[in-house]
PDB file of N, CA and C in Angstrom:
ATOM      1  N   MET A   1       0.844  -1.179   0.000  1.00  0.00           N
ATOM      2  CA  MET A   1       0.000   0.000   0.000  1.00  0.00           C
ATOM      3  C   MET A   1       0.886   1.238   0.000  1.00  0.00           C
ATOM      4  N   PRO A   2       1.240   1.804  -1.117  1.00  0.00           N
ATOM      5  CA  PRO A   2       2.124   2.958  -1.151  1.00  0.00           C
ATOM      6  C   PRO A   2       1.386   4.238  -0.771  1.00  0.00           C
ATOM      7  N   THR A   3       1.825   4.862   0.283  1.00  0.00           N
ATOM      8  CA  THR A   3       1.273   6.145   0.695  1.00  0.00           C
ATOM      9  C   THR A   3       2.429   7.037   1.100  1.00  0.00           C
ATOM     10  N   GLU A   4       2.139   8.308   1.301  1.00  0.00           N
ATOM     11  CA  GLU A   4       3.184   9.242   1.682  1.00  0.00           C
ATOM     12  C   GLU A   4       3.598   9.061   3.131  1.00  0.00           C
ATOM     13  N   THR A   5       2.682   8.625   4.008  1.00  0.00           N
ATOM     14  CA  THR A   5       2.963   8.458   5.420  1.00  0.00           C
ATOM     15  C   THR A   5       2.934   6.977   5.767  1.00  0.00           C
ATOM     16  N   PRO A   6       4.000   6.458   6.380  1.00  0.00           N
ATOM     17  CA  PRO A   6       3.959   5.043   6.764  1.00  0.00           C
ATOM     18  C   PRO A   6       2.939   4.836   7.881  1.00  0.00           C
ATOM     19  N   HIS A   7       2.229   3.739   7.814  1.00  0.00           N
ATOM     20  CA  HIS A   7       1.223   3.411   8.826  1.00  0.00           C
ATOM     21  C   HIS A   7       1.836   2.420   9.795  1.00  0.00           C
ATOM     22  N   ASN A   8       2.303   2.916  10.933  1.00  0.00           N
ATOM     23  CA  ASN A   8       3.034   2.088  11.879  1.00  0.00           C
ATOM     24  C   ASN A   8       2.203   1.627  13.063  1.00  0.00           C
ATOM     25  N   ASP A   9       0.970   2.092  13.217  1.00  0.00           N
ATOM     26  CA  ASP A   9       0.148   1.730  14.361  1.00  0.00           C
ATOM     27  C   ASP A   9      -0.787   0.580  14.004  1.00  0.00           C
ATOM     28  N   THR A  10      -1.046  -0.291  14.967  1.00  0.00           N
ATOM     29  CA  THR A  10      -1.973  -1.404  14.785  1.00  0.00           C
ATOM     30  C   THR A  10      -3.298  -1.050  15.439  1.00  0.00           C
ATOM     31  N   LEU A  11      -4.383  -1.221  14.673  1.00  0.00           N
ATOM     32  CA  LEU A  11      -5.715  -0.863  15.148  1.00  0.00           C
ATOM     33  C   LEU A  11      -6.701  -1.996  14.896  1.00  0.00           C
ATOM     34  N   PHE A  12      -7.754  -2.024  15.698  1.00  0.00           N
ATOM     35  CA  PHE A  12      -8.899  -2.897  15.497  1.00  0.00           C
ATOM     36  C   PHE A  12     -10.137  -2.011  15.492  1.00  0.00           C
ATOM     37  N   ILE A  13     -11.178  -2.447  14.809  1.00  0.00           N
ATOM     38  CA  ILE A  13     -12.461  -1.729  14.790  1.00  0.00           C
ATOM     39  C   ILE A  13     -13.435  -2.525  15.640  1.00  0.00           C
ATOM     40  N   GLU A  14     -14.094  -1.853  16.573  1.00  0.00           N
ATOM     41  CA  GLU A  14     -15.143  -2.476  17.366  1.00  0.00           C
ATOM     42  C   GLU A  14     -16.472  -1.832  16.971  1.00  0.00           C
ATOM     43  N   LYS A  15     -17.334  -2.639  16.347  1.00  0.00           N
ATOM     44  CA  LYS A  15     -18.635  -2.145  15.892  1.00  0.00           C
ATOM     45  C   LYS A  15     -19.619  -2.116  17.067  1.00  0.00           C
ATOM     46  N   GLY A  16     -20.717  -1.407  16.899  1.00  0.00           N
ATOM     47  CA  GLY A  16     -21.749  -1.331  17.930  1.00  0.00           C
ATOM     48  C   GLY A  16     -22.325  -2.685  18.313  1.00  0.00           C
ATOM     49  N   SER A  17     -22.286  -3.620  17.385  1.00  0.00           N
ATOM     50  CA  SER A  17     -22.804  -4.976  17.624  1.00  0.00           C
ATOM     51  C   SER A  17     -21.852  -5.813  18.468  1.00  0.00           C
ATOM     52  N   GLY A  18     -20.640  -5.289  18.715  1.00  0.00           N
ATOM     53  CA  GLY A  18     -19.626  -6.028  19.448  1.00  0.00           C
ATOM     54  C   GLY A  18     -18.634  -6.736  18.539  1.00  0.00           C
ATOM     55  N   GLU A  19     -18.929  -6.762  17.224  1.00  0.00           N
ATOM     56  CA  GLU A  19     -18.019  -7.386  16.262  1.00  0.00           C
ATOM     57  C   GLU A  19     -16.690  -6.637  16.264  1.00  0.00           C
ATOM     58  N   ARG A  20     -15.599  -7.403  16.211  1.00  0.00           N
ATOM     59  CA  ARG A  20     -14.264  -6.799  16.189  1.00  0.00           C
ATOM     60  C   ARG A  20     -13.586  -7.184  14.883  1.00  0.00           C
ATOM     61  N   LEU A  21     -13.075  -6.164  14.161  1.00  0.00           N
ATOM     62  CA  LEU A  21     -12.441  -6.355  12.858  1.00  0.00           C
ATOM     63  C   LEU A  21     -10.991  -5.909  12.928  1.00  0.00           C
ATOM     64  N   GLY A  22     -10.149  -6.573  12.169  1.00  0.00           N
ATOM     65  CA  GLY A  22      -8.754  -6.180  12.109  1.00  0.00           C
ATOM     66  C   GLY A  22      -7.856  -7.378  12.306  1.00  0.00           C
ATOM     67  N   PRO A  23      -6.588  -7.133  12.410  1.00  0.00           N
ATOM     68  CA  PRO A  23      -5.939  -5.844  12.601  1.00  0.00           C
ATOM     69  C   PRO A  23      -5.808  -5.046  11.310  1.00  0.00           C
ATOM     70  N   LEU A  24      -5.726  -3.728  11.488  1.00  0.00           N
ATOM     71  CA  LEU A  24      -5.500  -2.779  10.399  1.00  0.00           C
ATOM     72  C   LEU A  24      -4.265  -1.966  10.742  1.00  0.00           C
ATOM     73  N   HIS A  25      -3.688  -1.360   9.734  1.00  0.00           N
ATOM     74  CA  HIS A  25      -2.544  -0.488   9.958  1.00  0.00           C
ATOM     75  C   HIS A  25      -2.962   0.950   9.724  1.00  0.00           C
ATOM     76  N   GLY A  26      -2.451   1.836  10.540  1.00  0.00           N
ATOM     77  CA  GLY A  26      -2.802   3.237  10.418  1.00  0.00           C
ATOM     78  C   GLY A  26      -1.832   4.116  11.173  1.00  0.00           C
ATOM     79  N   THR A  27      -2.190   5.382  11.259  1.00  0.00           N
ATOM     80  CA  THR A  27      -1.408   6.374  11.983  1.00  0.00           C
ATOM     81  C   THR A  27      -2.336   7.091  12.948  1.00  0.00           C
ATOM     82  N   VAL A  28      -1.991   7.051  14.233  1.00  0.00           N
ATOM     83  CA  VAL A  28      -2.809   7.689  15.263  1.00  0.00           C
ATOM     84  C   VAL A  28      -2.177   9.022  15.623  1.00  0.00           C
ATOM     85  N   GLU A  29      -2.998  10.083  15.535  1.00  0.00           N
ATOM     86  CA  GLU A  29      -2.588  11.428  15.930  1.00  0.00           C
ATOM     87  C   GLU A  29      -3.501  11.854  17.076  1.00  0.00           C
ATOM     88  N   ALA A  30      -3.402  13.084  17.533  1.00  0.00           N
ATOM     89  CA  ALA A  30      -4.156  13.549  18.700  1.00  0.00           C
ATOM     90  C   ALA A  30      -5.660  13.327  18.570  1.00  0.00           C
ATOM     91  N   ASP A  31      -6.267  13.833  17.500  1.00  0.00           N
ATOM     92  CA  ASP A  31      -7.719  13.706  17.333  1.00  0.00           C
ATOM     93  C   ASP A  31      -8.087  13.154  15.961  1.00  0.00           C
ATOM     94  N   ARG A  32      -7.120  12.474  15.319  1.00  0.00           N
ATOM     95  CA  ARG A  32      -7.346  11.959  13.981  1.00  0.00           C
ATOM     96  C   ARG A  32      -6.603  10.637  13.827  1.00  0.00           C
ATOM     97  N   VAL A  33      -7.235   9.714  13.112  1.00  0.00           N
ATOM     98  CA  VAL A  33      -6.607   8.436  12.795  1.00  0.00           C
ATOM     99  C   VAL A  33      -6.706   8.228  11.292  1.00  0.00           C
ATOM    100  N   ILE A  34      -5.573   7.960  10.657  1.00  0.00           N
ATOM    101  CA  ILE A  34      -5.543   7.642   9.232  1.00  0.00           C
ATOM    102  C   ILE A  34      -5.365   6.140   9.139  1.00  0.00           C
ATOM    103  N   LEU A  35      -6.300   5.460   8.449  1.00  0.00           N
ATOM    104  CA  LEU A  35      -6.198   4.012   8.372  1.00  0.00           C
ATOM    105  C   LEU A  35      -6.685   3.471   7.048  1.00  0.00           C
ATOM    106  N   GLU A  36      -6.233   2.265   6.759  1.00  0.00           N
ATOM    107  CA  GLU A  36      -6.601   1.563   5.542  1.00  0.00           C
ATOM    108  C   GLU A  36      -8.116   1.430   5.437  1.00  0.00           C
ATOM    109  N   ALA A  37      -8.635   1.487   4.222  1.00  0.00           N
ATOM    110  CA  ALA A  37     -10.081   1.340   4.000  1.00  0.00           C
ATOM    111  C   ALA A  37     -10.396  -0.112   3.627  1.00  0.00           C
ATOM    112  N   ILE A  38     -10.024  -1.024   4.519  1.00  0.00           N
ATOM    113  CA  ILE A  38     -10.312  -2.441   4.292  1.00  0.00           C
ATOM    114  C   ILE A  38     -11.712  -2.773   4.775  1.00  0.00           C
ATOM    115  N   HIS A  39     -12.087  -2.201   5.921  1.00  0.00           N
ATOM    116  CA  HIS A  39     -13.424  -2.383   6.487  1.00  0.00           C
ATOM    117  C   HIS A  39     -14.078  -1.013   6.599  1.00  0.00           C
ATOM    118  N   GLU A  40     -15.387  -0.972   6.454  1.00  0.00           N
ATOM    119  CA  GLU A  40     -16.121   0.285   6.599  1.00  0.00           C
ATOM    120  C   GLU A  40     -16.148   0.693   8.068  1.00  0.00           C
ATOM    121  N   ILE A  41     -15.954   1.988   8.329  1.00  0.00           N
ATOM    122  CA  ILE A  41     -16.140   2.511   9.682  1.00  0.00           C
ATOM    123  C   ILE A  41     -17.222   3.574   9.644  1.00  0.00           C
ATOM    124  N   ALA A  42     -17.863   3.760  10.792  1.00  0.00           N
ATOM    125  CA  ALA A  42     -18.965   4.713  10.904  1.00  0.00           C
ATOM    126  C   ALA A  42     -18.836   5.470  12.218  1.00  0.00           C
ATOM    127  N   ALA A  43     -19.506   6.616  12.300  1.00  0.00           N
ATOM    128  CA  ALA A  43     -19.541   7.376  13.549  1.00  0.00           C
ATOM    129  C   ALA A  43     -20.078   6.466  14.647  1.00  0.00           C
ATOM    130  N   GLY A  44     -19.431   6.493  15.788  1.00  0.00           N
ATOM    131  CA  GLY A  44     -19.817   5.655  16.917  1.00  0.00           C
ATOM    132  C   GLY A  44     -18.992   4.384  17.048  1.00  0.00           C
ATOM    133  N   ASP A  45     -18.333   3.954  15.963  1.00  0.00           N
ATOM    134  CA  ASP A  45     -17.435   2.800  16.059  1.00  0.00           C
ATOM    135  C   ASP A  45     -16.267   3.172  16.972  1.00  0.00           C
ATOM    136  N   VAL A  46     -15.678   2.160  17.594  1.00  0.00           N
ATOM    137  CA  VAL A  46     -14.521   2.382  18.452  1.00  0.00           C
ATOM    138  C   VAL A  46     -13.296   1.785  17.772  1.00  0.00           C
ATOM    139  N   LEU A  47     -12.247   2.588  17.643  1.00  0.00           N
ATOM    140  CA  LEU A  47     -10.968   2.107  17.134  1.00  0.00           C
ATOM    141  C   LEU A  47     -10.102   1.778  18.346  1.00  0.00           C
ATOM    142  N   ILE A  48      -9.573   0.585  18.367  1.00  0.00           N
ATOM    143  CA  ILE A  48      -8.712   0.162  19.466  1.00  0.00           C
ATOM    144  C   ILE A  48      -7.275   0.234  18.971  1.00  0.00           C
ATOM    145  N   HIS A  49      -6.515   1.111  19.593  1.00  0.00           N
ATOM    146  CA  HIS A  49      -5.119   1.323  19.217  1.00  0.00           C
ATOM    147  C   HIS A  49      -4.264   0.420  20.089  1.00  0.00           C
ATOM    148  N   ARG A  50      -3.698  -0.610  19.479  1.00  0.00           N
ATOM    149  CA  ARG A  50      -2.863  -1.573  20.195  1.00  0.00           C
ATOM    150  C   ARG A  50      -1.482  -0.974  20.392  1.00  0.00           C
ATOM    151  N   ARG A  51      -1.094  -0.775  21.657  1.00  0.00           N
ATOM    152  CA  ARG A  51       0.210  -0.199  21.985  1.00  0.00           C
ATOM    153  C   ARG A  51       1.007  -1.211  22.802  1.00  0.00           C
ATOM    154  N   SER A  52       2.228  -1.471  22.408  1.00  0.00           N
ATOM    155  CA  SER A  52       3.035  -2.488  23.070  1.00  0.00           C
ATOM    156  C   SER A  52       3.522  -2.049  24.446  1.00  0.00           C
ATOM    157  N   ASP A  53       3.717  -0.757  24.638  1.00  0.00           N
ATOM    158  CA  ASP A  53       4.291  -0.278  25.893  1.00  0.00           C
ATOM    159  C   ASP A  53       3.257   0.201  26.912  1.00  0.00           C
ATOM    160  N   GLN A  54       1.965   0.209  26.540  1.00  0.00           N
ATOM    161  CA  GLN A  54       0.913   0.720  27.421  1.00  0.00           C
ATOM    162  C   GLN A  54      -0.358  -0.076  27.167  1.00  0.00           C
ATOM    163  N   ALA A  55      -1.389   0.237  27.948  1.00  0.00           N
ATOM    164  CA  ALA A  55      -2.692  -0.376  27.720  1.00  0.00           C
ATOM    165  C   ALA A  55      -3.254   0.116  26.388  1.00  0.00           C
ATOM    166  N   ASP A  56      -4.127  -0.690  25.784  1.00  0.00           N
ATOM    167  CA  ASP A  56      -4.772  -0.289  24.531  1.00  0.00           C
ATOM    168  C   ASP A  56      -5.550   1.003  24.735  1.00  0.00           C
ATOM    169  N   ALA A  57      -5.541   1.866  23.720  1.00  0.00           N
ATOM    170  CA  ALA A  57      -6.323   3.103  23.746  1.00  0.00           C
ATOM    171  C   ALA A  57      -7.601   2.883  22.946  1.00  0.00           C
ATOM    172  N   ARG A  58      -8.727   3.365  23.470  1.00  0.00           N
ATOM    173  CA  ARG A  58     -10.017   3.250  22.803  1.00  0.00           C
ATOM    174  C   ARG A  58     -10.407   4.631  22.280  1.00  0.00           C
ATOM    175  N   LEU A  59     -10.627   4.724  20.967  1.00  0.00           N
ATOM    176  CA  LEU A  59     -10.922   5.988  20.293  1.00  0.00           C
ATOM    177  C   LEU A  59     -12.274   5.888  19.609  1.00  0.00           C
ATOM    178  N   THR A  60     -13.206   6.766  19.937  1.00  0.00           N
ATOM    179  CA  THR A  60     -14.528   6.752  19.329  1.00  0.00           C
ATOM    180  C   THR A  60     -14.525   7.609  18.072  1.00  0.00           C
ATOM    181  N   VAL A  61     -15.009   7.049  16.973  1.00  0.00           N
ATOM    182  CA  VAL A  61     -15.071   7.759  15.695  1.00  0.00           C
ATOM    183  C   VAL A  61     -16.217   8.767  15.741  1.00  0.00           C
ATOM    184  N   THR A  62     -15.913  10.051  15.495  1.00  0.00           N
ATOM    185  CA  THR A  62     -16.952  11.072  15.414  1.00  0.00           C
ATOM    186  C   THR A  62     -17.283  11.402  13.957  1.00  0.00           C
ATOM    187  N   GLU A  63     -16.279  11.334  13.078  1.00  0.00           N
ATOM    188  CA  GLU A  63     -16.459  11.534  11.636  1.00  0.00           C
ATOM    189  C   GLU A  63     -15.543  10.549  10.915  1.00  0.00           C
ATOM    190  N   PRO A  64     -16.109   9.641  10.096  1.00  0.00           N
ATOM    191  CA  PRO A  64     -15.270   8.642   9.427  1.00  0.00           C
ATOM    192  C   PRO A  64     -14.266   9.233   8.438  1.00  0.00           C
ATOM    193  N   GLY A  65     -14.634  10.238   7.671  1.00  0.00           N
ATOM    194  CA  GLY A  65     -13.706  10.902   6.750  1.00  0.00           C
ATOM    195  C   GLY A  65     -13.151  10.003   5.658  1.00  0.00           C
ATOM    196  N   PHE A  66     -14.030   9.275   4.971  1.00  0.00           N
ATOM    197  CA  PHE A  66     -13.581   8.395   3.888  1.00  0.00           C
ATOM    198  C   PHE A  66     -12.973   9.204   2.760  1.00  0.00           C
ATOM    199  N   GLN A  67     -11.816   8.744   2.269  1.00  0.00           N
ATOM    200  CA  GLN A  67     -11.122   9.384   1.151  1.00  0.00           C
ATOM    201  C   GLN A  67     -10.983   8.351   0.038  1.00  0.00           C
ATOM    202  N   PRO A  68     -11.580   8.582  -1.131  1.00  0.00           N
ATOM    203  CA  PRO A  68     -11.487   7.608  -2.225  1.00  0.00           C
ATOM    204  C   PRO A  68     -10.074   7.546  -2.801  1.00  0.00           C
ATOM    205  N   GLU A  69      -9.810   6.487  -3.543  1.00  0.00           N
ATOM    206  CA  GLU A  69      -8.517   6.331  -4.210  1.00  0.00           C
ATOM    207  C   GLU A  69      -8.312   7.466  -5.201  1.00  0.00           C
ATOM    208  N   ILE A  70      -7.125   8.055  -5.164  1.00  0.00           N
ATOM    209  CA  ILE A  70      -6.766   9.120  -6.104  1.00  0.00           C
ATOM    210  C   ILE A  70      -5.355   8.820  -6.591  1.00  0.00           C
ATOM    211  N   GLY A  71      -5.229   8.532  -7.868  1.00  0.00           N
ATOM    212  CA  GLY A  71      -3.914   8.213  -8.422  1.00  0.00           C
ATOM    213  C   GLY A  71      -3.337   6.990  -7.746  1.00  0.00           C
ATOM    214  N   ASN A  72      -2.120   7.123  -7.196  1.00  0.00           N
ATOM    215  CA  ASN A  72      -1.493   5.987  -6.531  1.00  0.00           C
ATOM    216  C   ASN A  72      -1.735   5.973  -5.025  1.00  0.00           C
ATOM    217  N   VAL A  73      -2.594   6.867  -4.532  1.00  0.00           N
ATOM    218  CA  VAL A  73      -2.952   6.879  -3.114  1.00  0.00           C
ATOM    219  C   VAL A  73      -4.227   6.051  -2.949  1.00  0.00           C
ATOM    220  N   PRO A  74      -4.140   4.926  -2.217  1.00  0.00           N
ATOM    221  CA  PRO A  74      -5.306   4.054  -2.080  1.00  0.00           C
ATOM    222  C   PRO A  74      -6.399   4.690  -1.222  1.00  0.00           C
ATOM    223  N   ALA A  75      -7.608   4.169  -1.338  1.00  0.00           N
ATOM    224  CA  ALA A  75      -8.715   4.628  -0.504  1.00  0.00           C
ATOM    225  C   ALA A  75      -8.338   4.426   0.966  1.00  0.00           C
ATOM    226  N   HIS A  76      -8.738   5.389   1.792  1.00  0.00           N
ATOM    227  CA  HIS A  76      -8.415   5.315   3.210  1.00  0.00           C
ATOM    228  C   HIS A  76      -9.397   6.190   3.987  1.00  0.00           C
ATOM    229  N   TYR A  77      -9.301   6.120   5.305  1.00  0.00           N
ATOM    230  CA  TYR A  77     -10.097   6.970   6.182  1.00  0.00           C
ATOM    231  C   TYR A  77      -9.180   7.959   6.880  1.00  0.00           C
ATOM    232  N   GLU A  78      -9.665   9.178   7.043  1.00  0.00           N
ATOM    233  CA  GLU A  78      -9.032  10.183   7.888  1.00  0.00           C
ATOM    234  C   GLU A  78     -10.065  10.510   8.958  1.00  0.00           C
ATOM    235  N   ALA A  79     -10.196   9.597   9.912  1.00  0.00           N
ATOM    236  CA  ALA A  79     -11.267   9.650  10.903  1.00  0.00           C
ATOM    237  C   ALA A  79     -10.952  10.631  12.026  1.00  0.00           C
ATOM    238  N   ARG A  80     -11.946  11.416  12.385  1.00  0.00           N
ATOM    239  CA  ARG A  80     -11.869  12.266  13.573  1.00  0.00           C
ATOM    240  C   ARG A  80     -12.307  11.409  14.757  1.00  0.00           C
ATOM    241  N   VAL A  81     -11.581  11.500  15.852  1.00  0.00           N
ATOM    242  CA  VAL A  81     -11.848  10.633  17.005  1.00  0.00           C
ATOM    243  C   VAL A  81     -11.784  11.406  18.304  1.00  0.00           C
ATOM    244  N   THR A  82     -12.409  10.837  19.330  1.00  0.00           N
ATOM    245  CA  THR A  82     -12.254  11.311  20.712  1.00  0.00           C
ATOM    246  C   THR A  82     -11.865  10.106  21.545  1.00  0.00           C
ATOM    247  N   ARG A  83     -11.225  10.342  22.656  1.00  0.00           N
ATOM    248  CA  ARG A  83     -10.847   9.239  23.556  1.00  0.00           C
ATOM    249  C   ARG A  83     -12.099   8.651  24.173  1.00  0.00           C
ATOM    250  N   ALA A  84     -12.251   7.338  24.072  1.00  0.00           N
ATOM    251  CA  ALA A  84     -13.397   6.653  24.673  1.00  0.00           C
ATOM    252  C   ALA A  84     -13.103   6.404  26.150  1.00  0.00           C
ATOM    253  N   GLU A  85     -14.145   6.352  26.927  1.00  0.00           N
ATOM    254  CA  GLU A  85     -13.990   6.102  28.371  1.00  0.00           C
ATOM    255  C   GLU A  85     -13.954   4.630  28.637  1.00  0.00           C
TER     256      GLU A  85
END
């Protein structure tokens, strides 16, 4: 998957039904997660950021931010997130 930014973070998607999808690769920032568009995400889904040195972080999707494929940049999400409790 050639992109300008390497996706070094491991994430899982937790749907409202309890279904868990992944792992996926992405980049976690303060209030945004960029991730592969392998599975559909929606507002209210929880992204679980697997961290080796700490407990997993739970991030609630507020805006999925789907970005279609353009040229050699594959389809992906630029999701807006908040920290889940």
